[in-house]
């Protein structure tokens, strides 16, 4: 449980949900398509397809994963981080540092 302040700024106990929950089905569907893309790449290598064709599929799969990651990051910032900032204090500092670290990992990858 997480303590959340409602519109009257009174504290209420509410179960904490992750930012992506509302779009969970969409995220899962996208991940299933990516999984299919990876299986397709595996099949292409197994069938000894042309290198450039395989690389094209790897690039498309990488972009699809990046898209999922950016969507999850956006959900995290607008939900989890925003809630922590409203709460303030150390919780806010920790969530901001966590988000900054996640962005840095995405940029490096």
PDB file of N, CA and C in Angstrom:
ATOM      1  N   UNK A   1       0.832  -1.187   0.000  1.00  0.00           N
ATOM      2  CA  UNK A   1       0.000   0.000   0.000  1.00  0.00           C
ATOM      3  C   UNK A   1       0.871   1.243   0.000  1.00  0.00           C
ATOM      4  N   UNK A   2       0.345   2.251  -0.641  1.00  0.00           N
ATOM      5  CA  UNK A   2       1.020   3.524  -0.720  1.00  0.00           C
ATOM      6  C   UNK A   2       0.042   4.577  -0.251  1.00  0.00           C
ATOM      7  N   UNK A   3       0.531   5.566   0.442  1.00  0.00           N
ATOM      8  CA  UNK A   3      -0.330   6.651   0.876  1.00  0.00           C
ATOM      9  C   UNK A   3      -0.373   7.678  -0.243  1.00  0.00           C
ATOM     10  N   UNK A   4      -1.587   8.014  -0.665  1.00  0.00           N
ATOM     11  CA  UNK A   4      -1.777   8.974  -1.741  1.00  0.00           C
ATOM     12  C   UNK A   4      -2.674  10.086  -1.234  1.00  0.00           C
ATOM     13  N   UNK A   5      -2.368  11.294  -1.637  1.00  0.00           N
ATOM     14  CA  UNK A   5      -3.224  12.421  -1.267  1.00  0.00           C
ATOM     15  C   UNK A   5      -4.278  12.592  -2.357  1.00  0.00           C
ATOM     16  N   UNK A   6      -5.541  12.752  -1.940  1.00  0.00           N
ATOM     17  CA  UNK A   6      -6.590  12.941  -2.931  1.00  0.00           C
ATOM     18  C   UNK A   6      -6.715  14.422  -3.271  1.00  0.00           C
ATOM     19  N   UNK A   7      -7.749  14.768  -4.056  1.00  0.00           N
ATOM     20  CA  UNK A   7      -7.891  16.148  -4.529  1.00  0.00           C
ATOM     21  C   UNK A   7      -8.062  17.164  -3.399  1.00  0.00           C
ATOM     22  N   UNK A   8      -8.491  16.733  -2.226  1.00  0.00           N
ATOM     23  CA  UNK A   8      -8.621  17.634  -1.063  1.00  0.00           C
ATOM     24  C   UNK A   8      -7.352  17.635  -0.233  1.00  0.00           C
ATOM     25  N   UNK A   9      -6.302  16.983  -0.726  1.00  0.00           N
ATOM     26  CA  UNK A   9      -5.008  16.888  -0.059  1.00  0.00           C
ATOM     27  C   UNK A   9      -5.090  16.113   1.255  1.00  0.00           C
ATOM     28  N   UNK A  10      -6.044  15.183   1.319  1.00  0.00           N
ATOM     29  CA  UNK A  10      -6.115  14.301   2.479  1.00  0.00           C
ATOM     30  C   UNK A  10      -5.485  12.975   2.098  1.00  0.00           C
ATOM     31  N   UNK A  11      -4.870  12.342   3.087  1.00  0.00           N
ATOM     32  CA  UNK A  11      -4.158  11.100   2.805  1.00  0.00           C
ATOM     33  C   UNK A  11      -5.125   9.932   2.777  1.00  0.00           C
ATOM     34  N   UNK A  12      -4.964   9.069   1.762  1.00  0.00           N
ATOM     35  CA  UNK A  12      -5.782   7.869   1.656  1.00  0.00           C
ATOM     36  C   UNK A  12      -4.865   6.694   1.380  1.00  0.00           C
ATOM     37  N   UNK A  13      -5.262   5.523   1.837  1.00  0.00           N
ATOM     38  CA  UNK A  13      -4.534   4.314   1.505  1.00  0.00           C
ATOM     39  C   UNK A  13      -5.079   3.811   0.178  1.00  0.00           C
ATOM     40  N   UNK A  14      -4.202   3.636  -0.771  1.00  0.00           N
ATOM     41  CA  UNK A  14      -4.612   3.141  -2.081  1.00  0.00           C
ATOM     42  C   UNK A  14      -3.566   2.151  -2.557  1.00  0.00           C
ATOM     43  N   UNK A  15      -4.002   1.094  -3.220  1.00  0.00           N
ATOM     44  CA  UNK A  15      -3.011   0.154  -3.751  1.00  0.00           C
ATOM     45  C   UNK A  15      -2.201   0.842  -4.839  1.00  0.00           C
ATOM     46  N   UNK A  16      -0.899   0.622  -4.825  1.00  0.00           N
ATOM     47  CA  UNK A  16      -0.040   1.217  -5.842  1.00  0.00           C
ATOM     48  C   UNK A  16      -0.114   0.379  -7.112  1.00  0.00           C
ATOM     49  N   UNK A  17      -0.360   1.048  -8.222  1.00  0.00           N
ATOM     50  CA  UNK A  17      -0.349   0.361  -9.512  1.00  0.00           C
ATOM     51  C   UNK A  17       0.726   0.989 -10.379  1.00  0.00           C
ATOM     52  N   UNK A  18       1.231   0.219 -11.272  1.00  0.00           N
ATOM     53  CA  UNK A  18       2.266   0.702 -12.182  1.00  0.00           C
ATOM     54  C   UNK A  18       1.620   1.494 -13.312  1.00  0.00           C
ATOM     55  N   UNK A  19       2.376   2.422 -13.874  1.00  0.00           N
ATOM     56  CA  UNK A  19       1.848   3.306 -14.898  1.00  0.00           C
ATOM     57  C   UNK A  19       1.362   2.606 -16.155  1.00  0.00           C
ATOM     58  N   UNK A  20       1.912   1.457 -16.485  1.00  0.00           N
ATOM     59  CA  UNK A  20       1.556   0.779 -17.728  1.00  0.00           C
ATOM     60  C   UNK A  20       0.304  -0.082 -17.611  1.00  0.00           C
ATOM     61  N   UNK A  21      -0.265  -0.203 -16.415  1.00  0.00           N
ATOM     62  CA  UNK A  21      -1.382  -1.124 -16.188  1.00  0.00           C
ATOM     63  C   UNK A  21      -2.554  -0.860 -17.135  1.00  0.00           C
ATOM     64  N   UNK A  22      -2.883   0.410 -17.356  1.00  0.00           N
ATOM     65  CA  UNK A  22      -4.018   0.712 -18.240  1.00  0.00           C
ATOM     66  C   UNK A  22      -3.761   0.224 -19.663  1.00  0.00           C
ATOM     67  N   UNK A  23      -2.517   0.217 -20.100  1.00  0.00           N
ATOM     68  CA  UNK A  23      -2.184  -0.230 -21.440  1.00  0.00           C
ATOM     69  C   UNK A  23      -1.499  -1.583 -21.466  1.00  0.00           C
ATOM     70  N   UNK A  24      -1.673  -2.360 -20.394  1.00  0.00           N
ATOM     71  CA  UNK A  24      -0.975  -3.636 -20.263  1.00  0.00           C
ATOM     72  C   UNK A  24      -1.247  -4.569 -21.450  1.00  0.00           C
ATOM     73  N   UNK A  25      -2.489  -4.673 -21.862  1.00  0.00           N
ATOM     74  CA  UNK A  25      -2.826  -5.562 -22.985  1.00  0.00           C
ATOM     75  C   UNK A  25      -2.109  -5.123 -24.259  1.00  0.00           C
ATOM     76  N   UNK A  26      -2.029  -3.816 -24.473  1.00  0.00           N
ATOM     77  CA  UNK A  26      -1.330  -3.276 -25.643  1.00  0.00           C
ATOM     78  C   UNK A  26       0.154  -3.597 -25.584  1.00  0.00           C
ATOM     79  N   UNK A  27       0.758  -3.444 -24.407  1.00  0.00           N
ATOM     80  CA  UNK A  27       2.186  -3.751 -24.240  1.00  0.00           C
ATOM     81  C   UNK A  27       2.434  -5.238 -24.467  1.00  0.00           C
ATOM     82  N   UNK A  28       1.595  -6.079 -23.896  1.00  0.00           N
ATOM     83  CA  UNK A  28       1.759  -7.526 -24.074  1.00  0.00           C
ATOM     84  C   UNK A  28       1.597  -7.937 -25.532  1.00  0.00           C
ATOM     85  N   UNK A  29       0.641  -7.332 -26.228  1.00  0.00           N
ATOM     86  CA  UNK A  29       0.445  -7.646 -27.650  1.00  0.00           C
ATOM     87  C   UNK A  29       1.682  -7.248 -28.447  1.00  0.00           C
ATOM     88  N   UNK A  30       2.235  -6.085 -28.128  1.00  0.00           N
ATOM     89  CA  UNK A  30       3.441  -5.631 -28.830  1.00  0.00           C
ATOM     90  C   UNK A  30       4.609  -6.567 -28.550  1.00  0.00           C
ATOM     91  N   UNK A  31       4.753  -7.007 -27.314  1.00  0.00           N
ATOM     92  CA  UNK A  31       5.837  -7.932 -26.963  1.00  0.00           C
ATOM     93  C   UNK A  31       5.668  -9.285 -27.657  1.00  0.00           C
ATOM     94  N   UNK A  32       4.431  -9.726 -27.833  1.00  0.00           N
ATOM     95  CA  UNK A  32       4.200 -10.980 -28.566  1.00  0.00           C
ATOM     96  C   UNK A  32       4.626 -10.830 -30.028  1.00  0.00           C
ATOM     97  N   UNK A  33       4.338  -9.664 -30.621  1.00  0.00           N
ATOM     98  CA  UNK A  33       4.769  -9.435 -32.006  1.00  0.00           C
ATOM     99  C   UNK A  33       6.290  -9.411 -32.092  1.00  0.00           C
ATOM    100  N   UNK A  34       6.930  -8.787 -31.115  1.00  0.00           N
ATOM    101  CA  UNK A  34       8.400  -8.749 -31.092  1.00  0.00           C
ATOM    102  C   UNK A  34       8.959 -10.155 -30.934  1.00  0.00           C
ATOM    103  N   UNK A  35       8.337 -10.933 -30.074  1.00  0.00           N
ATOM    104  CA  UNK A  35       8.757 -12.323 -29.901  1.00  0.00           C
ATOM    105  C   UNK A  35       8.680 -13.077 -31.233  1.00  0.00           C
ATOM    106  N   UNK A  36       7.627 -12.827 -31.994  1.00  0.00           N
ATOM    107  CA  UNK A  36       7.501 -13.437 -33.315  1.00  0.00           C
ATOM    108  C   UNK A  36       8.591 -12.966 -34.268  1.00  0.00           C
ATOM    109  N   UNK A  37       8.943 -11.678 -34.161  1.00  0.00           N
ATOM    110  CA  UNK A  37      10.028 -11.160 -34.993  1.00  0.00           C
ATOM    111  C   UNK A  37      11.344 -11.869 -34.664  1.00  0.00           C
ATOM    112  N   UNK A  38      11.607 -12.080 -33.390  1.00  0.00           N
ATOM    113  CA  UNK A  38      12.848 -12.748 -32.977  1.00  0.00           C
ATOM    114  C   UNK A  38      12.855 -14.186 -33.483  1.00  0.00           C
ATOM    115  N   UNK A  39      11.721 -14.869 -33.386  1.00  0.00           N
ATOM    116  CA  UNK A  39      11.651 -16.234 -33.927  1.00  0.00           C
ATOM    117  C   UNK A  39      11.898 -16.227 -35.434  1.00  0.00           C
ATOM    118  N   UNK A  40      11.395 -15.199 -36.114  1.00  0.00           N
ATOM    119  CA  UNK A  40      11.619 -15.074 -37.548  1.00  0.00           C
ATOM    120  C   UNK A  40      13.093 -14.877 -37.870  1.00  0.00           C
ATOM    121  N   UNK A  41      13.786 -14.081 -37.058  1.00  0.00           N
ATOM    122  CA  UNK A  41      15.225 -13.889 -37.255  1.00  0.00           C
ATOM    123  C   UNK A  41      15.953 -15.210 -37.055  1.00  0.00           C
ATOM    124  N   UNK A  42      15.575 -15.933 -36.036  1.00  0.00           N
ATOM    125  CA  UNK A  42      16.176 -17.247 -35.769  1.00  0.00           C
ATOM    126  C   UNK A  42      15.996 -18.168 -36.978  1.00  0.00           C
ATOM    127  N   UNK A  43      14.791 -18.170 -37.513  1.00  0.00           N
ATOM    128  CA  UNK A  43      14.487 -19.005 -38.678  1.00  0.00           C
ATOM    129  C   UNK A  43      15.314 -18.558 -39.887  1.00  0.00           C
ATOM    130  N   UNK A  44      15.463 -17.243 -40.066  1.00  0.00           N
ATOM    131  CA  UNK A  44      16.255 -16.730 -41.197  1.00  0.00           C
ATOM    132  C   UNK A  44      17.708 -17.194 -41.107  1.00  0.00           C
ATOM    133  N   UNK A  45      18.271 -17.146 -39.899  1.00  0.00           N
ATOM    134  CA  UNK A  45      19.657 -17.610 -39.726  1.00  0.00           C
ATOM    135  C   UNK A  45      19.726 -19.106 -39.995  1.00  0.00           C
ATOM    136  N   UNK A  46      18.772 -19.844 -39.439  1.00  0.00           N
ATOM    137  CA  UNK A  46      18.742 -21.293 -39.636  1.00  0.00           C
ATOM    138  C   UNK A  46      18.653 -21.654 -41.122  1.00  0.00           C
ATOM    139  N   UNK A  47      17.894 -20.860 -41.868  1.00  0.00           N
ATOM    140  CA  UNK A  47      17.729 -21.112 -43.306  1.00  0.00           C
ATOM    141  C   UNK A  47      18.802 -20.430 -44.150  1.00  0.00           C
ATOM    142  N   UNK A  48      19.784 -19.832 -43.494  1.00  0.00           N
ATOM    143  CA  UNK A  48      20.931 -19.191 -44.134  1.00  0.00           C
ATOM    144  C   UNK A  48      20.514 -18.124 -45.145  1.00  0.00           C
ATOM    145  N   UNK A  49      19.610 -17.244 -44.706  1.00  0.00           N
ATOM    146  CA  UNK A  49      19.161 -16.136 -45.543  1.00  0.00           C
ATOM    147  C   UNK A  49      20.272 -15.096 -45.684  1.00  0.00           C
ATOM    148  N   UNK A  50      20.089 -14.174 -46.603  1.00  0.00           N
ATOM    149  CA  UNK A  50      21.057 -13.129 -46.899  1.00  0.00           C
ATOM    150  C   UNK A  50      21.286 -12.241 -45.671  1.00  0.00           C
ATOM    151  N   UNK A  51      22.556 -11.960 -45.383  1.00  0.00           N
ATOM    152  CA  UNK A  51      22.950 -11.207 -44.185  1.00  0.00           C
ATOM    153  C   UNK A  51      22.193  -9.885 -44.036  1.00  0.00           C
ATOM    154  N   UNK A  52      22.102  -9.133 -45.103  1.00  0.00           N
ATOM    155  CA  UNK A  52      21.455  -7.824 -45.044  1.00  0.00           C
ATOM    156  C   UNK A  52      19.980  -7.958 -44.689  1.00  0.00           C
ATOM    157  N   UNK A  53      19.328  -8.984 -45.201  1.00  0.00           N
ATOM    158  CA  UNK A  53      17.919  -9.213 -44.859  1.00  0.00           C
ATOM    159  C   UNK A  53      17.768  -9.505 -43.370  1.00  0.00           C
ATOM    160  N   UNK A  54      18.685 -10.280 -42.822  1.00  0.00           N
ATOM    161  CA  UNK A  54      18.647 -10.588 -41.388  1.00  0.00           C
ATOM    162  C   UNK A  54      18.897  -9.310 -40.585  1.00  0.00           C
ATOM    163  N   UNK A  55      19.899  -8.544 -40.989  1.00  0.00           N
ATOM    164  CA  UNK A  55      20.205  -7.295 -40.289  1.00  0.00           C
ATOM    165  C   UNK A  55      19.032  -6.320 -40.330  1.00  0.00           C
ATOM    166  N   UNK A  56      18.311  -6.299 -41.439  1.00  0.00           N
ATOM    167  CA  UNK A  56      17.121  -5.444 -41.548  1.00  0.00           C
ATOM    168  C   UNK A  56      16.085  -5.846 -40.512  1.00  0.00           C
ATOM    169  N   UNK A  57      15.891  -7.149 -40.343  1.00  0.00           N
ATOM    170  CA  UNK A  57      14.928  -7.637 -39.351  1.00  0.00           C
ATOM    171  C   UNK A  57      15.408  -7.374 -37.922  1.00  0.00           C
ATOM    172  N   UNK A  58      16.708  -7.501 -37.688  1.00  0.00           N
ATOM    173  CA  UNK A  58      17.260  -7.190 -36.363  1.00  0.00           C
ATOM    174  C   UNK A  58      17.017  -5.718 -36.044  1.00  0.00           C
ATOM    175  N   UNK A  59      17.243  -4.856 -37.018  1.00  0.00           N
ATOM    176  CA  UNK A  59      17.025  -3.425 -36.825  1.00  0.00           C
ATOM    177  C   UNK A  59      15.560  -3.128 -36.509  1.00  0.00           C
ATOM    178  N   UNK A  60      14.652  -3.750 -37.243  1.00  0.00           N
ATOM    179  CA  UNK A  60      13.221  -3.543 -36.999  1.00  0.00           C
ATOM    180  C   UNK A  60      12.827  -4.017 -35.603  1.00  0.00           C
ATOM    181  N   UNK A  61      13.375  -5.138 -35.182  1.00  0.00           N
ATOM    182  CA  UNK A  61      13.077  -5.673 -33.850  1.00  0.00           C
ATOM    183  C   UNK A  61      13.640  -4.775 -32.762  1.00  0.00           C
ATOM    184  N   UNK A  62      14.847  -4.269 -32.985  1.00  0.00           N
ATOM    185  CA  UNK A  62      15.458  -3.353 -32.033  1.00  0.00           C
ATOM    186  C   UNK A  62      14.605  -2.097 -31.878  1.00  0.00           C
ATOM    187  N   UNK A  63      14.141  -1.541 -32.987  1.00  0.00           N
ATOM    188  CA  UNK A  63      13.293  -0.343 -32.941  1.00  0.00           C
ATOM    189  C   UNK A  63      11.978  -0.639 -32.216  1.00  0.00           C
ATOM    190  N   UNK A  64      11.422  -1.823 -32.435  1.00  0.00           N
ATOM    191  CA  UNK A  64      10.179  -2.194 -31.761  1.00  0.00           C
ATOM    192  C   UNK A  64      10.391  -2.276 -30.247  1.00  0.00           C
ATOM    193  N   UNK A  65      11.511  -2.864 -29.821  1.00  0.00           N
ATOM    194  CA  UNK A  65      11.817  -2.933 -28.389  1.00  0.00           C
ATOM    195  C   UNK A  65      12.047  -1.536 -27.806  1.00  0.00           C
ATOM    196  N   UNK A  66      12.731  -0.689 -28.563  1.00  0.00           N
ATOM    197  CA  UNK A  66      12.951   0.686 -28.110  1.00  0.00           C
ATOM    198  C   UNK A  66      11.613   1.410 -27.935  1.00  0.00           C
ATOM    199  N   UNK A  67      10.686   1.155 -28.843  1.00  0.00           N
ATOM    200  CA  UNK A  67       9.363   1.768 -28.753  1.00  0.00           C
ATOM    201  C   UNK A  67       8.636   1.326 -27.488  1.00  0.00           C
ATOM    202  N   UNK A  68       8.710   0.038 -27.175  1.00  0.00           N
ATOM    203  CA  UNK A  68       8.106  -0.464 -25.935  1.00  0.00           C
ATOM    204  C   UNK A  68       8.775   0.199 -24.725  1.00  0.00           C
ATOM    205  N   UNK A  69      10.102   0.274 -24.748  1.00  0.00           N
ATOM    206  CA  UNK A  69      10.840   0.867 -23.633  1.00  0.00           C
ATOM    207  C   UNK A  69      10.451   2.327 -23.430  1.00  0.00           C
ATOM    208  N   UNK A  70      10.352   3.079 -24.511  1.00  0.00           N
ATOM    209  CA  UNK A  70       9.985   4.488 -24.392  1.00  0.00           C
ATOM    210  C   UNK A  70       8.560   4.660 -23.881  1.00  0.00           C
ATOM    211  N   UNK A  71       7.671   3.790 -24.306  1.00  0.00           N
ATOM    212  CA  UNK A  71       6.300   3.837 -23.796  1.00  0.00           C
ATOM    213  C   UNK A  71       6.242   3.543 -22.312  1.00  0.00           C
ATOM    214  N   UNK A  72       6.996   2.535 -21.872  1.00  0.00           N
ATOM    215  CA  UNK A  72       7.042   2.208 -20.446  1.00  0.00           C
ATOM    216  C   UNK A  72       7.666   3.350 -19.654  1.00  0.00           C
ATOM    217  N   UNK A  73       8.706   3.966 -20.202  1.00  0.00           N
ATOM    218  CA  UNK A  73       9.340   5.101 -19.537  1.00  0.00           C
ATOM    219  C   UNK A  73       8.362   6.258 -19.408  1.00  0.00           C
ATOM    220  N   UNK A  74       7.638   6.544 -20.472  1.00  0.00           N
ATOM    221  CA  UNK A  74       6.650   7.622 -20.435  1.00  0.00           C
ATOM    222  C   UNK A  74       5.584   7.346 -19.376  1.00  0.00           C
ATOM    223  N   UNK A  75       5.085   6.109 -19.347  1.00  0.00           N
ATOM    224  CA  UNK A  75       4.097   5.733 -18.331  1.00  0.00           C
ATOM    225  C   UNK A  75       4.685   5.882 -16.927  1.00  0.00           C
ATOM    226  N   UNK A  76       5.934   5.468 -16.754  1.00  0.00           N
ATOM    227  CA  UNK A  76       6.582   5.549 -15.444  1.00  0.00           C
ATOM    228  C   UNK A  76       6.708   7.010 -15.001  1.00  0.00           C
ATOM    229  N   UNK A  77       7.132   7.867 -15.915  1.00  0.00           N
ATOM    230  CA  UNK A  77       7.298   9.275 -15.563  1.00  0.00           C
ATOM    231  C   UNK A  77       5.963   9.934 -15.235  1.00  0.00           C
ATOM    232  N   UNK A  78       4.957   9.669 -16.041  1.00  0.00           N
ATOM    233  CA  UNK A  78       3.676  10.346 -15.839  1.00  0.00           C
ATOM    234  C   UNK A  78       2.852   9.759 -14.704  1.00  0.00           C
ATOM    235  N   UNK A  79       3.199   8.583 -14.256  1.00  0.00           N
ATOM    236  CA  UNK A  79       2.431   7.962 -13.179  1.00  0.00           C
ATOM    237  C   UNK A  79       3.270   7.830 -11.905  1.00  0.00           C
ATOM    238  N   UNK A  80       4.243   6.949 -11.919  1.00  0.00           N
ATOM    239  CA  UNK A  80       5.019   6.643 -10.715  1.00  0.00           C
ATOM    240  C   UNK A  80       5.847   7.831 -10.229  1.00  0.00           C
ATOM    241  N   UNK A  81       6.563   8.466 -11.156  1.00  0.00           N
ATOM    242  CA  UNK A  81       7.411   9.600 -10.760  1.00  0.00           C
ATOM    243  C   UNK A  81       6.544  10.792 -10.367  1.00  0.00           C
ATOM    244  N   UNK A  82       5.491  11.064 -11.136  1.00  0.00           N
ATOM    245  CA  UNK A  82       4.603  12.183 -10.812  1.00  0.00           C
ATOM    246  C   UNK A  82       3.978  11.998  -9.427  1.00  0.00           C
ATOM    247  N   UNK A  83       3.546  10.773  -9.106  1.00  0.00           N
ATOM    248  CA  UNK A  83       2.989  10.506  -7.771  1.00  0.00           C
ATOM    249  C   UNK A  83       4.035  10.760  -6.685  1.00  0.00           C
ATOM    250  N   UNK A  84       5.262  10.316  -6.920  1.00  0.00           N
ATOM    251  CA  UNK A  84       6.326  10.499  -5.932  1.00  0.00           C
ATOM    252  C   UNK A  84       6.660  11.970  -5.761  1.00  0.00           C
ATOM    253  N   UNK A  85       6.657  12.724  -6.833  1.00  0.00           N
ATOM    254  CA  UNK A  85       6.945  14.159  -6.739  1.00  0.00           C
ATOM    255  C   UNK A  85       5.854  14.860  -5.936  1.00  0.00           C
ATOM    256  N   UNK A  86       4.609  14.468  -6.142  1.00  0.00           N
ATOM    257  CA  UNK A  86       3.522  15.046  -5.341  1.00  0.00           C
ATOM    258  C   UNK A  86       3.711  14.725  -3.863  1.00  0.00           C
ATOM    259  N   UNK A  87       4.211  13.515  -3.577  1.00  0.00           N
ATOM    260  CA  UNK A  87       4.457  13.122  -2.188  1.00  0.00           C
ATOM    261  C   UNK A  87       5.636  13.900  -1.617  1.00  0.00           C
ATOM    262  N   UNK A  88       6.648  14.117  -2.442  1.00  0.00           N
ATOM    263  CA  UNK A  88       7.805  14.918  -2.043  1.00  0.00           C
ATOM    264  C   UNK A  88       8.817  14.140  -1.217  1.00  0.00           C
ATOM    265  N   UNK A  89       9.802  14.851  -0.735  1.00  0.00           N
ATOM    266  CA  UNK A  89      10.811  14.286   0.149  1.00  0.00           C
ATOM    267  C   UNK A  89      11.717  13.269  -0.511  1.00  0.00           C
ATOM    268  N   UNK A  90      12.178  12.334   0.299  1.00  0.00           N
ATOM    269  CA  UNK A  90      13.130  11.330  -0.155  1.00  0.00           C
ATOM    270  C   UNK A  90      12.528  10.415  -1.220  1.00  0.00           C
ATOM    271  N   UNK A  91      11.249  10.122  -1.119  1.00  0.00           N
ATOM    272  CA  UNK A  91      10.587   9.274  -2.114  1.00  0.00           C
ATOM    273  C   UNK A  91      10.707   9.914  -3.495  1.00  0.00           C
ATOM    274  N   UNK A  92      10.475  11.206  -3.572  1.00  0.00           N
ATOM    275  CA  UNK A  92      10.584  11.914  -4.846  1.00  0.00           C
ATOM    276  C   UNK A  92      12.016  11.869  -5.366  1.00  0.00           C
ATOM    277  N   UNK A  93      12.968  12.128  -4.492  1.00  0.00           N
ATOM    278  CA  UNK A  93      14.374  12.098  -4.897  1.00  0.00           C
ATOM    279  C   UNK A  93      14.765  10.730  -5.440  1.00  0.00           C
ATOM    280  N   UNK A  94      14.317   9.663  -4.751  1.00  0.00           N
ATOM    281  CA  UNK A  94      14.649   8.306  -5.185  1.00  0.00           C
ATOM    282  C   UNK A  94      14.037   7.981  -6.545  1.00  0.00           C
ATOM    283  N   UNK A  95      12.768   8.362  -6.744  1.00  0.00           N
ATOM    284  CA  UNK A  95      12.106   8.078  -8.025  1.00  0.00           C
ATOM    285  C   UNK A  95      12.746   8.870  -9.155  1.00  0.00           C
ATOM    286  N   UNK A  96      13.139  10.104  -8.901  1.00  0.00           N
ATOM    287  CA  UNK A  96      13.790  10.899  -9.940  1.00  0.00           C
ATOM    288  C   UNK A  96      15.155  10.311 -10.304  1.00  0.00           C
ATOM    289  N   UNK A  97      15.907   9.887  -9.299  1.00  0.00           N
ATOM    290  CA  UNK A  97      17.204   9.254  -9.563  1.00  0.00           C
ATOM    291  C   UNK A  97      17.014   7.961 -10.327  1.00  0.00           C
ATOM    292  N   UNK A  98      16.043   7.168  -9.919  1.00  0.00           N
ATOM    293  CA  UNK A  98      15.744   5.904 -10.601  1.00  0.00           C
ATOM    294  C   UNK A  98      15.380   6.154 -12.066  1.00  0.00           C
ATOM    295  N   UNK A  99      14.546   7.155 -12.326  1.00  0.00           N
ATOM    296  CA  UNK A  99      14.148   7.472 -13.699  1.00  0.00           C
ATOM    297  C   UNK A  99      15.347   7.966 -14.508  1.00  0.00           C
ATOM    298  N   UNK A 100      16.160   8.792 -13.911  1.00  0.00           N
ATOM    299  CA  UNK A 100      17.356   9.304 -14.594  1.00  0.00           C
ATOM    300  C   UNK A 100      18.297   8.156 -14.964  1.00  0.00           C
ATOM    301  N   UNK A 101      18.483   7.227 -14.045  1.00  0.00           N
ATOM    302  CA  UNK A 101      19.340   6.057 -14.307  1.00  0.00           C
ATOM    303  C   UNK A 101      18.766   5.199 -15.436  1.00  0.00           C
ATOM    304  N   UNK A 102      17.444   5.029 -15.458  1.00  0.00           N
ATOM    305  CA  UNK A 102      16.805   4.229 -16.507  1.00  0.00           C
ATOM    306  C   UNK A 102      16.990   4.913 -17.864  1.00  0.00           C
ATOM    307  N   UNK A 103      16.849   6.228 -17.901  1.00  0.00           N
ATOM    308  CA  UNK A 103      17.058   6.959 -19.149  1.00  0.00           C
ATOM    309  C   UNK A 103      18.491   6.794 -19.620  1.00  0.00           C
ATOM    310  N   UNK A 104      19.434   6.891 -18.700  1.00  0.00           N
ATOM    311  CA  UNK A 104      20.844   6.729 -19.057  1.00  0.00           C
ATOM    312  C   UNK A 104      21.111   5.332 -19.639  1.00  0.00           C
ATOM    313  N   UNK A 105      20.477   4.299 -19.064  1.00  0.00           N
ATOM    314  CA  UNK A 105      20.652   2.938 -19.591  1.00  0.00           C
ATOM    315  C   UNK A 105      20.073   2.825 -21.005  1.00  0.00           C
ATOM    316  N   UNK A 106      18.926   3.457 -21.235  1.00  0.00           N
ATOM    317  CA  UNK A 106      18.308   3.404 -22.556  1.00  0.00           C
ATOM    318  C   UNK A 106      19.163   4.129 -23.588  1.00  0.00           C
ATOM    319  N   UNK A 107      19.741   5.241 -23.202  1.00  0.00           N
ATOM    320  CA  UNK A 107      20.566   6.021 -24.125  1.00  0.00           C
ATOM    321  C   UNK A 107      21.839   5.259 -24.480  1.00  0.00           C
ATOM    322  N   UNK A 108      22.408   4.556 -23.500  1.00  0.00           N
ATOM    323  CA  UNK A 108      23.649   3.797 -23.748  1.00  0.00           C
ATOM    324  C   UNK A 108      23.399   2.569 -24.603  1.00  0.00           C
ATOM    325  N   UNK A 109      22.206   2.019 -24.563  1.00  0.00           N
ATOM    326  CA  UNK A 109      21.965   0.762 -25.282  1.00  0.00           C
ATOM    327  C   UNK A 109      21.766   0.954 -26.757  1.00  0.00           C
TER     328      UNK A 109
END
